[in-house]
Amino acid sequence: MKLMDYGLKPIDFQNPPQASSAHPSRRGFVMTSLASGFALASNPVLAQAIVTDSKGLVAGEVSVPVADGKMPAYRAMPAGPGKFPVILVVQEIFGVHEHIKDMCRRYAKQGYYAIAPEMFARQGDVSKMTDIQTILSQVVSKVPDAQVCADLDATLAFARASGKADVQRTGLVGYCWGGRTAWVYARHNSKLNAAVAYYGLLEGLKAPELRPEDPIDFADQIKVPVLGLYSGIDAFVKQETIAKMRGLINKGGSGSEIVVFPNVDHGFNADYRPSYDKSAATYAQKLANDWLKKHKV
């Protein structure tokens, strides 16, 4: 299996092009609605890609009010009456494209109010970019952690205001870039019940002001239980880093855990990519489901 096959050029997560340390301009949102289909940089999309129907669901695009405008998001929830526990679904570097929308529908089928805000809406539309390094340099490297946390807070407020969400039972599931975000938001929001981080970077993305710390820097401060799901042959998350992270989260007393899947690569849950591993993805989903239930989500 190739170490990574996510774009036209290899991804160097450990040395991403750095944005200016100044806060991004508040000129407004680049994206006011979600893209359809898969991001161009994720091509070729394999026929194995899972498509979950929306039967029995209310599913589609919504608009989340934030301090400087409105942020597009994808929401899926059961069509029946009642309030549903919340899952914040946090995207890969490809934005809220079809795979992330499908993950929302999968969680909604389990009875959750699942919502994925477009976290890059201000910085750029990654769906139309064909080069992975362009996505990293022009968009991903310019997204501040403070903005991410504020947008997730706003997404929870939107869910609460809908009358359909039980925000007292809230979990977060993040993939790739969203996996790092899972650790970041778990530190930010101590009221979060639980989080699941799929192969999120633990170090290597710090930048002055924008991302002042990596998860490895604050692991012992996290109080929310986070389940880390990592790859045994991931070139971007070293095994020694994972071992260090384990020791630090144990000191913090959050009850967080890390599971490493041997002989699978970064992106093993991405069923539309060559990195997909069905056995690992299926078992990881079971672990994620059990983790969320255990912590009352």
C-alpha atoms as a PDB file:
ATOM      1  CA  MET A   1       0.000   0.000   0.000  1.00  0.00           C
ATOM      2  CA  LYS A   2       1.303   3.462  -0.866  1.00  0.00           C
ATOM      3  CA  LEU A   3       2.127   5.753   2.025  1.00  0.00           C
ATOM      4  CA  MET A   4      -0.237   8.382   0.671  1.00  0.00           C
ATOM      5  CA  ASP A   5      -2.147   8.886  -2.535  1.00  0.00           C
ATOM      6  CA  TYR A   6      -4.288  11.894  -1.843  1.00  0.00           C
ATOM      7  CA  GLY A   7      -3.452  14.203  -4.694  1.00  0.00           C
ATOM      8  CA  LEU A   8      -1.341  15.162  -7.630  1.00  0.00           C
ATOM      9  CA  LYS A   9       1.625  15.896  -5.373  1.00  0.00           C
ATOM     10  CA  PRO A  10       2.747  14.278  -2.112  1.00  0.00           C
ATOM     11  CA  ILE A  11       1.472  15.881   1.075  1.00  0.00           C
ATOM     12  CA  ASP A  12       4.050  17.206   3.481  1.00  0.00           C
ATOM     13  CA  PHE A  13       1.969  17.663   6.625  1.00  0.00           C
ATOM     14  CA  GLN A  14       5.030  17.997   8.800  1.00  0.00           C
ATOM     15  CA  ASN A  15       6.318  21.025   6.863  1.00  0.00           C
ATOM     16  CA  PRO A  16       3.268  22.819   5.475  1.00  0.00           C
ATOM     17  CA  PRO A  17       3.718  26.208   3.842  1.00  0.00           C
ATOM     18  CA  GLN A  18       3.188  28.775   6.575  1.00  0.00           C
ATOM     19  CA  ALA A  19       0.674  31.564   6.407  1.00  0.00           C
ATOM     20  CA  SER A  20       1.298  35.012   7.789  1.00  0.00           C
ATOM     21  CA  SER A  21       1.017  35.165  11.573  1.00  0.00           C
ATOM     22  CA  ALA A  22      -1.458  38.009  11.225  1.00  0.00           C
ATOM     23  CA  HIS A  23      -5.101  37.206  11.735  1.00  0.00           C
ATOM     24  CA  PRO A  24      -6.983  36.587   8.469  1.00  0.00           C
ATOM     25  CA  SER A  25      -8.922  39.383   6.868  1.00  0.00           C
ATOM     26  CA  ARG A  26     -12.604  39.554   7.748  1.00  0.00           C
ATOM     27  CA  ARG A  27     -13.554  40.352   4.170  1.00  0.00           C
ATOM     28  CA  GLY A  28     -16.400  37.855   4.328  1.00  0.00           C
ATOM     29  CA  PHE A  29     -16.968  34.264   3.361  1.00  0.00           C
ATOM     30  CA  VAL A  30     -15.443  32.772   0.245  1.00  0.00           C
ATOM     31  CA  MET A  31     -17.972  29.949   0.431  1.00  0.00           C
ATOM     32  CA  THR A  32     -21.617  30.775   1.099  1.00  0.00           C
ATOM     33  CA  SER A  33     -22.862  27.308   0.119  1.00  0.00           C
ATOM     34  CA  LEU A  34     -21.424  23.817   0.101  1.00  0.00           C
ATOM     35  CA  ALA A  35     -19.863  22.203  -2.936  1.00  0.00           C
ATOM     36  CA  SER A  36     -21.511  19.165  -4.462  1.00  0.00           C
ATOM     37  CA  GLY A  37     -19.869  15.802  -5.053  1.00  0.00           C
ATOM     38  CA  PHE A  38     -16.246  15.089  -4.171  1.00  0.00           C
ATOM     39  CA  ALA A  39     -13.419  17.597  -4.010  1.00  0.00           C
ATOM     40  CA  LEU A  40     -11.400  17.668  -7.247  1.00  0.00           C
ATOM     41  CA  ALA A  41      -8.138  17.007  -5.411  1.00  0.00           C
ATOM     42  CA  SER A  42      -9.522  13.745  -4.046  1.00  0.00           C
ATOM     43  CA  ASN A  43      -9.867  12.245  -7.529  1.00  0.00           C
ATOM     44  CA  PRO A  44      -9.899   9.584  -8.762  1.00  0.00           C
ATOM     45  CA  VAL A  45     -12.877   8.580  -6.611  1.00  0.00           C
ATOM     46  CA  LEU A  46     -13.094   4.805  -6.427  1.00  0.00           C
ATOM     47  CA  ALA A  47     -16.246   2.819  -7.145  1.00  0.00           C
ATOM     48  CA  GLN A  48     -16.047   1.371  -3.628  1.00  0.00           C
ATOM     49  CA  ALA A  49     -17.158   4.740  -2.195  1.00  0.00           C
ATOM     50  CA  ILE A  50     -20.065   4.201   0.179  1.00  0.00           C
ATOM     51  CA  VAL A  51     -23.269   6.124  -0.484  1.00  0.00           C
ATOM     52  CA  THR A  52     -25.770   6.243   2.378  1.00  0.00           C
ATOM     53  CA  ASP A  53     -29.336   7.137   1.454  1.00  0.00           C
ATOM     54  CA  SER A  54     -31.387   9.725   3.297  1.00  0.00           C
ATOM     55  CA  LYS A  55     -34.491   7.577   3.756  1.00  0.00           C
ATOM     56  CA  GLY A  56     -35.986   8.309   7.174  1.00  0.00           C
ATOM     57  CA  LEU A  57     -33.778  11.371   7.572  1.00  0.00           C
ATOM     58  CA  VAL A  58     -33.938  15.110   7.282  1.00  0.00           C
ATOM     59  CA  ALA A  59     -30.689  15.826   5.456  1.00  0.00           C
ATOM     60  CA  GLY A  60     -29.251  18.735   3.559  1.00  0.00           C
ATOM     61  CA  GLU A  61     -27.439  22.040   3.680  1.00  0.00           C
ATOM     62  CA  VAL A  62     -28.068  24.567   6.438  1.00  0.00           C
ATOM     63  CA  SER A  63     -26.646  27.989   7.260  1.00  0.00           C
ATOM     64  CA  VAL A  64     -25.035  28.533  10.663  1.00  0.00           C
ATOM     65  CA  PRO A  65     -24.928  32.112  12.023  1.00  0.00           C
ATOM     66  CA  VAL A  66     -21.494  33.164  13.251  1.00  0.00           C
ATOM     67  CA  ALA A  67     -20.115  36.502  14.440  1.00  0.00           C
ATOM     68  CA  ASP A  68     -19.021  37.651  10.970  1.00  0.00           C
ATOM     69  CA  GLY A  69     -21.704  36.144   8.754  1.00  0.00           C
ATOM     70  CA  LYS A  70     -23.176  32.760   7.959  1.00  0.00           C
ATOM     71  CA  MET A  71     -21.299  29.506   7.532  1.00  0.00           C
ATOM     72  CA  PRO A  72     -22.608  26.691   5.315  1.00  0.00           C
ATOM     73  CA  ALA A  73     -22.934  23.257   6.907  1.00  0.00           C
ATOM     74  CA  TYR A  74     -24.398  19.849   6.171  1.00  0.00           C
ATOM     75  CA  ARG A  75     -26.901  18.425   8.650  1.00  0.00           C
ATOM     76  CA  ALA A  76     -28.561  15.033   8.863  1.00  0.00           C
ATOM     77  CA  MET A  77     -30.944  13.784  11.579  1.00  0.00           C
ATOM     78  CA  PRO A  78     -33.821  11.352  12.015  1.00  0.00           C
ATOM     79  CA  ALA A  79     -37.095  12.549  10.533  1.00  0.00           C
ATOM     80  CA  GLY A  80     -39.109  11.556  13.609  1.00  0.00           C
ATOM     81  CA  PRO A  81     -40.032  13.619  16.654  1.00  0.00           C
ATOM     82  CA  GLY A  82     -37.794  14.220  19.625  1.00  0.00           C
ATOM     83  CA  LYS A  83     -34.374  15.617  20.410  1.00  0.00           C
ATOM     84  CA  PHE A  84     -31.296  13.744  19.289  1.00  0.00           C
ATOM     85  CA  PRO A  85     -27.762  13.597  20.667  1.00  0.00           C
ATOM     86  CA  VAL A  86     -25.333  15.652  18.631  1.00  0.00           C
ATOM     87  CA  ILE A  87     -22.314  14.612  16.606  1.00  0.00           C
ATOM     88  CA  LEU A  88     -20.088  17.386  15.294  1.00  0.00           C
ATOM     89  CA  VAL A  89     -18.476  15.924  12.169  1.00  0.00           C
ATOM     90  CA  VAL A  90     -15.212  17.657  11.286  1.00  0.00           C
ATOM     91  CA  GLN A  91     -13.838  17.449   7.775  1.00  0.00           C
ATOM     92  CA  GLU A  92     -10.622  16.320   6.164  1.00  0.00           C
ATOM     93  CA  ILE A  93      -8.536  18.837   4.200  1.00  0.00           C
ATOM     94  CA  PHE A  94     -11.007  18.423   1.326  1.00  0.00           C
ATOM     95  CA  GLY A  95     -13.771  20.298   3.134  1.00  0.00           C
ATOM     96  CA  VAL A  96     -17.367  19.187   3.523  1.00  0.00           C
ATOM     97  CA  HIS A  97     -17.469  17.139   0.337  1.00  0.00           C
ATOM     98  CA  GLU A  98     -19.533  14.028  -0.362  1.00  0.00           C
ATOM     99  CA  HIS A  99     -17.648  11.692   1.964  1.00  0.00           C
ATOM    100  CA  ILE A 100     -18.171  13.977   4.983  1.00  0.00           C
ATOM    101  CA  LYS A 101     -21.838  14.430   4.081  1.00  0.00           C
ATOM    102  CA  ASP A 102     -22.130  10.653   3.927  1.00  0.00           C
ATOM    103  CA  MET A 103     -20.574  10.306   7.380  1.00  0.00           C
ATOM    104  CA  CYS A 104     -23.271  12.678   8.663  1.00  0.00           C
ATOM    105  CA  ARG A 105     -25.985  10.485   7.154  1.00  0.00           C
ATOM    106  CA  ARG A 106     -24.414   7.363   8.660  1.00  0.00           C
ATOM    107  CA  TYR A 107     -24.516   8.909  12.120  1.00  0.00           C
ATOM    108  CA  ALA A 108     -28.048  10.175  11.553  1.00  0.00           C
ATOM    109  CA  LYS A 109     -29.109   6.619  10.726  1.00  0.00           C
ATOM    110  CA  GLN A 110     -27.908   5.721  14.235  1.00  0.00           C
ATOM    111  CA  GLY A 111     -30.183   8.352  15.755  1.00  0.00           C
ATOM    112  CA  TYR A 112     -27.871  11.352  15.935  1.00  0.00           C
ATOM    113  CA  TYR A 113     -28.222  14.978  14.951  1.00  0.00           C
ATOM    114  CA  ALA A 114     -25.038  15.067  12.855  1.00  0.00           C
ATOM    115  CA  ILE A 115     -23.713  18.332  11.499  1.00  0.00           C
ATOM    116  CA  ALA A 116     -20.556  19.224   9.576  1.00  0.00           C
ATOM    117  CA  PRO A 117     -19.763  22.950   9.315  1.00  0.00           C
ATOM    118  CA  GLU A 118     -17.550  24.056   6.423  1.00  0.00           C
ATOM    119  CA  MET A 119     -14.508  25.058   8.449  1.00  0.00           C
ATOM    120  CA  PHE A 120     -12.638  26.600   5.503  1.00  0.00           C
ATOM    121  CA  ALA A 121     -15.510  28.821   4.328  1.00  0.00           C
ATOM    122  CA  ARG A 122     -13.624  32.076   4.942  1.00  0.00           C
ATOM    123  CA  GLN A 123     -10.227  31.026   3.639  1.00  0.00           C
ATOM    124  CA  GLY A 124     -11.127  29.332   0.357  1.00  0.00           C
ATOM    125  CA  ASP A 125     -13.122  26.780  -1.622  1.00  0.00           C
ATOM    126  CA  VAL A 126     -10.921  23.690  -1.564  1.00  0.00           C
ATOM    127  CA  SER A 127     -13.456  21.689  -3.574  1.00  0.00           C
ATOM    128  CA  LYS A 128     -12.261  23.301  -6.820  1.00  0.00           C
ATOM    129  CA  MET A 129      -8.536  23.021  -6.134  1.00  0.00           C
ATOM    130  CA  THR A 130      -6.759  20.185  -7.928  1.00  0.00           C
ATOM    131  CA  ASP A 131      -3.395  20.403  -6.162  1.00  0.00           C
ATOM    132  CA  ILE A 132      -2.995  19.278  -2.555  1.00  0.00           C
ATOM    133  CA  GLN A 133      -0.127  21.686  -1.859  1.00  0.00           C
ATOM    134  CA  THR A 134      -2.310  24.547  -3.052  1.00  0.00           C
ATOM    135  CA  ILE A 135      -4.983  23.488  -0.560  1.00  0.00           C
ATOM    136  CA  LEU A 136      -2.386  23.419   2.212  1.00  0.00           C
ATOM    137  CA  SER A 137      -0.707  26.711   1.384  1.00  0.00           C
ATOM    138  CA  GLN A 138      -3.703  28.812   0.332  1.00  0.00           C
ATOM    139  CA  VAL A 139      -6.328  27.508   2.744  1.00  0.00           C
ATOM    140  CA  VAL A 140      -5.437  25.008   5.455  1.00  0.00           C
ATOM    141  CA  SER A 141      -2.349  26.834   6.708  1.00  0.00           C
ATOM    142  CA  LYS A 142      -4.383  30.038   7.143  1.00  0.00           C
ATOM    143  CA  VAL A 143      -7.140  28.646   9.372  1.00  0.00           C
ATOM    144  CA  PRO A 144      -6.683  29.706  13.023  1.00  0.00           C
ATOM    145  CA  ASP A 145      -7.512  27.275  15.823  1.00  0.00           C
ATOM    146  CA  ALA A 146      -9.428  30.054  17.588  1.00  0.00           C
ATOM    147  CA  GLN A 147     -11.674  30.446  14.535  1.00  0.00           C
ATOM    148  CA  VAL A 148     -12.248  26.696  14.389  1.00  0.00           C
ATOM    149  CA  CYS A 149     -13.290  26.520  18.038  1.00  0.00           C
ATOM    150  CA  ALA A 150     -15.572  29.550  17.704  1.00  0.00           C
ATOM    151  CA  ASP A 151     -17.242  28.052  14.633  1.00  0.00           C
ATOM    152  CA  LEU A 152     -17.854  24.759  16.406  1.00  0.00           C
ATOM    153  CA  ASP A 153     -19.312  26.659  19.358  1.00  0.00           C
ATOM    154  CA  ALA A 154     -21.626  28.456  16.909  1.00  0.00           C
ATOM    155  CA  THR A 155     -22.596  25.150  15.318  1.00  0.00           C
ATOM    156  CA  LEU A 156     -23.641  23.819  18.715  1.00  0.00           C
ATOM    157  CA  ALA A 157     -25.646  26.987  19.353  1.00  0.00           C
ATOM    158  CA  PHE A 158     -27.373  26.472  15.996  1.00  0.00           C
ATOM    159  CA  ALA A 159     -28.181  22.881  16.918  1.00  0.00           C
ATOM    160  CA  ARG A 160     -29.591  23.955  20.275  1.00  0.00           C
ATOM    161  CA  ALA A 161     -31.768  26.631  18.648  1.00  0.00           C
ATOM    162  CA  SER A 162     -33.222  24.090  16.212  1.00  0.00           C
ATOM    163  CA  GLY A 163     -35.146  22.396  19.023  1.00  0.00           C
ATOM    164  CA  LYS A 164     -34.122  19.011  17.600  1.00  0.00           C
ATOM    165  CA  ALA A 165     -30.792  18.553  19.347  1.00  0.00           C
ATOM    166  CA  ASP A 166     -29.936  17.427  22.858  1.00  0.00           C
ATOM    167  CA  VAL A 167     -26.696  19.362  23.250  1.00  0.00           C
ATOM    168  CA  GLN A 168     -26.209  17.925  26.734  1.00  0.00           C
ATOM    169  CA  ARG A 169     -25.148  14.797  24.830  1.00  0.00           C
ATOM    170  CA  THR A 170     -22.594  16.033  22.311  1.00  0.00           C
ATOM    171  CA  GLY A 171     -19.703  14.231  20.698  1.00  0.00           C
ATOM    172  CA  LEU A 172     -17.228  15.174  17.985  1.00  0.00           C
ATOM    173  CA  VAL A 173     -15.763  12.926  15.299  1.00  0.00           C
ATOM    174  CA  GLY A 174     -12.952  14.308  13.136  1.00  0.00           C
ATOM    175  CA  TYR A 175     -11.009  12.874  10.214  1.00  0.00           C
ATOM    176  CA  CYS A 176      -7.447  13.770   9.163  1.00  0.00           C
ATOM    177  CA  TRP A 177      -7.358  17.592   9.648  1.00  0.00           C
ATOM    178  CA  GLY A 178     -10.534  17.118  11.668  1.00  0.00           C
ATOM    179  CA  GLY A 179      -8.738  14.499  13.762  1.00  0.00           C
ATOM    180  CA  ARG A 180      -6.326  17.152  14.988  1.00  0.00           C
ATOM    181  CA  THR A 181      -9.312  19.434  15.543  1.00  0.00           C
ATOM    182  CA  ALA A 182     -10.875  16.782  17.800  1.00  0.00           C
ATOM    183  CA  TRP A 183      -8.001  17.185  20.262  1.00  0.00           C
ATOM    184  CA  VAL A 184      -8.038  20.992  19.938  1.00  0.00           C
ATOM    185  CA  TYR A 185     -11.774  21.319  20.540  1.00  0.00           C
ATOM    186  CA  ALA A 186     -11.740  18.794  23.382  1.00  0.00           C
ATOM    187  CA  ARG A 187      -9.353  21.106  25.180  1.00  0.00           C
ATOM    188  CA  HIS A 188     -11.447  24.181  24.329  1.00  0.00           C
ATOM    189  CA  ASN A 189     -14.865  22.825  25.306  1.00  0.00           C
ATOM    190  CA  SER A 190     -14.768  20.883  28.551  1.00  0.00           C
ATOM    191  CA  LYS A 191     -18.550  20.309  28.305  1.00  0.00           C
ATOM    192  CA  LEU A 192     -18.098  18.055  25.301  1.00  0.00           C
ATOM    193  CA  ASN A 193     -19.037  14.516  26.318  1.00  0.00           C
ATOM    194  CA  ALA A 194     -16.496  12.755  24.126  1.00  0.00           C
ATOM    195  CA  ALA A 195     -14.506  13.005  20.907  1.00  0.00           C
ATOM    196  CA  VAL A 196     -13.037  10.622  18.345  1.00  0.00           C
ATOM    197  CA  ALA A 197      -9.893  11.590  16.407  1.00  0.00           C
ATOM    198  CA  TYR A 198      -9.158   9.658  13.235  1.00  0.00           C
ATOM    199  CA  TYR A 199      -5.412   9.896  12.439  1.00  0.00           C
ATOM    200  CA  GLY A 200      -5.165  13.584  13.327  1.00  0.00           C
ATOM    201  CA  LEU A 201      -1.718  15.145  13.454  1.00  0.00           C
ATOM    202  CA  LEU A 202      -0.331  15.414  16.969  1.00  0.00           C
ATOM    203  CA  GLU A 203       2.543  17.743  16.103  1.00  0.00           C
ATOM    204  CA  GLY A 204       3.963  19.685  13.171  1.00  0.00           C
ATOM    205  CA  LEU A 205       1.273  22.291  12.446  1.00  0.00           C
ATOM    206  CA  LYS A 206       2.153  25.029  14.920  1.00  0.00           C
ATOM    207  CA  ALA A 207       2.252  28.574  13.564  1.00  0.00           C
ATOM    208  CA  PRO A 208       2.511  31.851  15.514  1.00  0.00           C
ATOM    209  CA  GLU A 209      -0.905  33.120  16.634  1.00  0.00           C
ATOM    210  CA  LEU A 210      -2.832  30.940  14.173  1.00  0.00           C
ATOM    211  CA  ARG A 211      -2.064  27.587  15.803  1.00  0.00           C
ATOM    212  CA  PRO A 212       0.013  28.337  18.900  1.00  0.00           C
ATOM    213  CA  GLU A 213       0.103  24.743  20.147  1.00  0.00           C
ATOM    214  CA  ASP A 214      -0.198  21.223  18.804  1.00  0.00           C
ATOM    215  CA  PRO A 215      -2.063  18.435  20.645  1.00  0.00           C
ATOM    216  CA  ILE A 216       1.216  17.013  21.921  1.00  0.00           C
ATOM    217  CA  ASP A 217       1.799  20.347  23.723  1.00  0.00           C
ATOM    218  CA  PHE A 218      -1.442  20.328  25.716  1.00  0.00           C
ATOM    219  CA  ALA A 219      -2.346  16.639  25.910  1.00  0.00           C
ATOM    220  CA  ASP A 220      -2.095  16.529  29.701  1.00  0.00           C
ATOM    221  CA  GLN A 221      -4.562  19.446  29.973  1.00  0.00           C
ATOM    222  CA  ILE A 222      -7.421  17.697  28.144  1.00  0.00           C
ATOM    223  CA  LYS A 223     -10.330  16.724  30.398  1.00  0.00           C
ATOM    224  CA  VAL A 224     -12.711  15.395  27.723  1.00  0.00           C
ATOM    225  CA  PRO A 225     -12.321  11.673  26.866  1.00  0.00           C
ATOM    226  CA  VAL A 226     -10.867  11.427  23.373  1.00  0.00           C
ATOM    227  CA  LEU A 227     -10.472   8.188  21.445  1.00  0.00           C
ATOM    228  CA  GLY A 228      -7.562   8.401  19.010  1.00  0.00           C
ATOM    229  CA  LEU A 229      -7.738   6.009  16.047  1.00  0.00           C
ATOM    230  CA  TYR A 230      -4.346   5.892  14.352  1.00  0.00           C
ATOM    231  CA  SER A 231      -2.513   4.052  11.580  1.00  0.00           C
ATOM    232  CA  GLY A 232       0.472   1.800  12.065  1.00  0.00           C
ATOM    233  CA  ILE A 233       2.253   2.904   8.877  1.00  0.00           C
ATOM    234  CA  ASP A 234       1.240   6.557   8.802  1.00  0.00           C
ATOM    235  CA  ALA A 235       4.183   8.594   7.529  1.00  0.00           C
ATOM    236  CA  PHE A 236       2.809  11.757   9.124  1.00  0.00           C
ATOM    237  CA  VAL A 237       2.170  10.572  12.686  1.00  0.00           C
ATOM    238  CA  LYS A 238       5.205   8.819  14.103  1.00  0.00           C
ATOM    239  CA  GLN A 239       4.785   5.888  16.462  1.00  0.00           C
ATOM    240  CA  GLU A 240       7.090   7.517  19.009  1.00  0.00           C
ATOM    241  CA  THR A 241       4.857  10.591  18.950  1.00  0.00           C
ATOM    242  CA  ILE A 242       1.815   8.419  19.612  1.00  0.00           C
ATOM    243  CA  ALA A 243       3.642   6.768  22.518  1.00  0.00           C
ATOM    244  CA  LYS A 244       4.463  10.193  23.980  1.00  0.00           C
ATOM    245  CA  MET A 245       0.857  11.321  23.502  1.00  0.00           C
ATOM    246  CA  ARG A 246      -0.396   8.254  25.386  1.00  0.00           C
ATOM    247  CA  GLY A 247       1.773   9.080  28.356  1.00  0.00           C
ATOM    248  CA  LEU A 248       0.623  12.682  28.436  1.00  0.00           C
ATOM    249  CA  ILE A 249      -3.106  11.944  28.198  1.00  0.00           C
ATOM    250  CA  ASN A 250      -2.727   9.436  31.006  1.00  0.00           C
ATOM    251  CA  LYS A 251      -1.321  12.226  33.191  1.00  0.00           C
ATOM    252  CA  GLY A 252      -4.320  14.403  32.383  1.00  0.00           C
ATOM    253  CA  GLY A 253      -6.822  11.911  33.758  1.00  0.00           C
ATOM    254  CA  SER A 254      -9.388  12.412  30.976  1.00  0.00           C
ATOM    255  CA  GLY A 255      -9.727   8.696  30.313  1.00  0.00           C
ATOM    256  CA  SER A 256      -8.597   9.259  26.728  1.00  0.00           C
ATOM    257  CA  GLU A 257      -7.196   6.316  24.786  1.00  0.00           C
ATOM    258  CA  ILE A 258      -5.333   5.708  21.538  1.00  0.00           C
ATOM    259  CA  VAL A 259      -5.741   2.634  19.348  1.00  0.00           C
ATOM    260  CA  VAL A 260      -3.233   1.941  16.567  1.00  0.00           C
ATOM    261  CA  PHE A 261      -4.256  -0.221  13.615  1.00  0.00           C
ATOM    262  CA  PRO A 262      -1.175  -2.096  12.371  1.00  0.00           C
ATOM    263  CA  ASN A 263      -0.393  -2.335   8.665  1.00  0.00           C
ATOM    264  CA  VAL A 264      -2.941   0.282   7.565  1.00  0.00           C
ATOM    265  CA  ASP A 265      -2.260   3.790   6.358  1.00  0.00           C
ATOM    266  CA  HIS A 266      -3.434   7.322   7.016  1.00  0.00           C
ATOM    267  CA  GLY A 267      -6.951   7.713   5.627  1.00  0.00           C
ATOM    268  CA  PHE A 268      -8.068   4.141   6.254  1.00  0.00           C
ATOM    269  CA  ASN A 269     -11.652   5.315   6.781  1.00  0.00           C
ATOM    270  CA  ALA A 270     -11.789   7.212   3.471  1.00  0.00           C
ATOM    271  CA  ASP A 271     -13.760   4.634   1.467  1.00  0.00           C
ATOM    272  CA  TYR A 272     -13.429   6.662  -1.737  1.00  0.00           C
ATOM    273  CA  ARG A 273      -9.590   6.514  -1.663  1.00  0.00           C
ATOM    274  CA  PRO A 274      -6.934   3.821  -2.255  1.00  0.00           C
ATOM    275  CA  SER A 275      -5.929   4.181   1.420  1.00  0.00           C
ATOM    276  CA  TYR A 276      -9.272   2.678   2.516  1.00  0.00           C
ATOM    277  CA  ASP A 277      -9.093  -0.493   4.569  1.00  0.00           C
ATOM    278  CA  LYS A 278     -12.524  -2.026   5.061  1.00  0.00           C
ATOM    279  CA  SER A 279     -11.616  -4.193   8.043  1.00  0.00           C
ATOM    280  CA  ALA A 280      -9.911  -1.350   9.902  1.00  0.00           C
ATOM    281  CA  ALA A 281     -12.659   1.134   9.038  1.00  0.00           C
ATOM    282  CA  THR A 282     -15.399  -1.233  10.182  1.00  0.00           C
ATOM    283  CA  TYR A 283     -13.705  -2.013  13.468  1.00  0.00           C
ATOM    284  CA  ALA A 284     -12.801   1.643  14.034  1.00  0.00           C
ATOM    285  CA  GLN A 285     -16.444   2.605  13.535  1.00  0.00           C
ATOM    286  CA  LYS A 286     -17.483   0.044  16.138  1.00  0.00           C
ATOM    287  CA  LEU A 287     -14.930   1.442  18.574  1.00  0.00           C
ATOM    288  CA  ALA A 288     -16.142   4.984  17.871  1.00  0.00           C
ATOM    289  CA  ASN A 289     -19.786   4.004  18.379  1.00  0.00           C
ATOM    290  CA  ASP A 290     -18.993   2.220  21.639  1.00  0.00           C
ATOM    291  CA  TRP A 291     -16.900   5.150  22.853  1.00  0.00           C
ATOM    292  CA  LEU A 292     -19.669   7.644  22.218  1.00  0.00           C
ATOM    293  CA  LYS A 293     -22.273   5.449  23.909  1.00  0.00           C
ATOM    294  CA  LYS A 294     -19.985   4.823  26.866  1.00  0.00           C
ATOM    295  CA  HIS A 295     -19.722   8.553  27.422  1.00  0.00           C
ATOM    296  CA  LYS A 296     -23.472   9.128  27.079  1.00  0.00           C
ATOM    297  CA  VAL A 297     -23.577  10.622  23.594  1.00  0.00           C
END
